[in-house]
């Protein structure tokens, strides 16, 4: 069964960079580019809260 792209994530606490629709959802949610999102996940892991805090410090 294919992914339902109307859903943004199974777990909104974890960022998955494997699914394009999830990357799009997170970049829109944070108001950042895909590159910035990927850099943040690389720096602090895939916890949405950790990424949110990391990005807030970089504004």
Protein backbone atom coordinates (compact mmCIF):
# COMPACT_ATOMS: atom_id res chain seq x y z
CA UNK A 1 0.00 0.00 0.00
CA UNK A 2 1.39 3.39 -0.97
CA UNK A 3 1.98 6.21 1.48
CA UNK A 4 -0.97 8.51 2.01
CA UNK A 5 0.53 11.87 1.07
CA UNK A 6 -2.34 13.72 2.71
CA UNK A 7 -0.79 12.73 6.02
CA UNK A 8 2.38 14.58 6.96
CA UNK A 9 3.86 12.12 9.44
CA UNK A 10 2.98 9.19 11.61
CA UNK A 11 4.75 10.76 14.55
CA UNK A 12 4.93 14.54 14.71
CA UNK A 13 7.70 14.27 17.32
CA UNK A 14 10.17 12.71 14.90
CA UNK A 15 11.43 14.17 11.64
CA UNK A 16 11.84 11.74 8.77
CA UNK A 17 13.91 12.91 5.84
CA UNK A 18 13.16 9.78 3.83
CA UNK A 19 9.72 10.78 2.51
CA UNK A 20 9.47 13.86 0.25
CA UNK A 21 6.03 14.81 1.58
CA UNK A 22 7.37 14.76 5.14
CA UNK A 23 10.37 16.93 4.21
CA UNK A 24 7.97 19.37 2.54
CA UNK A 25 5.72 19.39 5.62
CA UNK A 26 8.61 20.06 8.03
CA UNK A 27 10.15 22.79 5.89
CA UNK A 28 6.77 24.53 5.73
CA UNK A 29 6.23 24.05 9.45
CA UNK A 30 9.61 25.56 10.38
CA UNK A 31 9.68 28.13 7.57
CA UNK A 32 13.11 26.92 6.51
CA UNK A 33 14.68 25.43 3.41
CA UNK A 34 15.29 21.72 2.93
CA UNK A 35 19.04 22.30 3.29
CA UNK A 36 18.52 24.07 6.62
CA UNK A 37 16.26 21.25 7.82
CA UNK A 38 18.79 18.60 6.81
CA UNK A 39 21.63 20.52 8.49
CA UNK A 40 19.60 20.82 11.70
CA UNK A 41 18.76 17.11 11.76
CA UNK A 42 22.42 16.28 11.14
CA UNK A 43 23.42 18.54 14.04
CA UNK A 44 20.87 17.54 16.70
CA UNK A 45 19.10 14.39 15.52
CA UNK A 46 15.55 13.80 14.34
CA UNK A 47 13.64 15.05 17.38
CA UNK A 48 11.25 17.75 16.19
CA UNK A 49 11.67 19.70 19.44
CA UNK A 50 15.47 19.58 19.26
CA UNK A 51 15.39 20.76 15.64
CA UNK A 52 12.91 23.53 16.54
CA UNK A 53 15.23 24.78 19.29
CA UNK A 54 18.31 24.54 17.07
CA UNK A 55 16.65 26.52 14.29
CA UNK A 56 15.35 29.14 16.72
CA UNK A 57 18.91 29.82 17.88
CA UNK A 58 20.08 30.27 14.28
CA UNK A 59 17.63 33.05 13.37
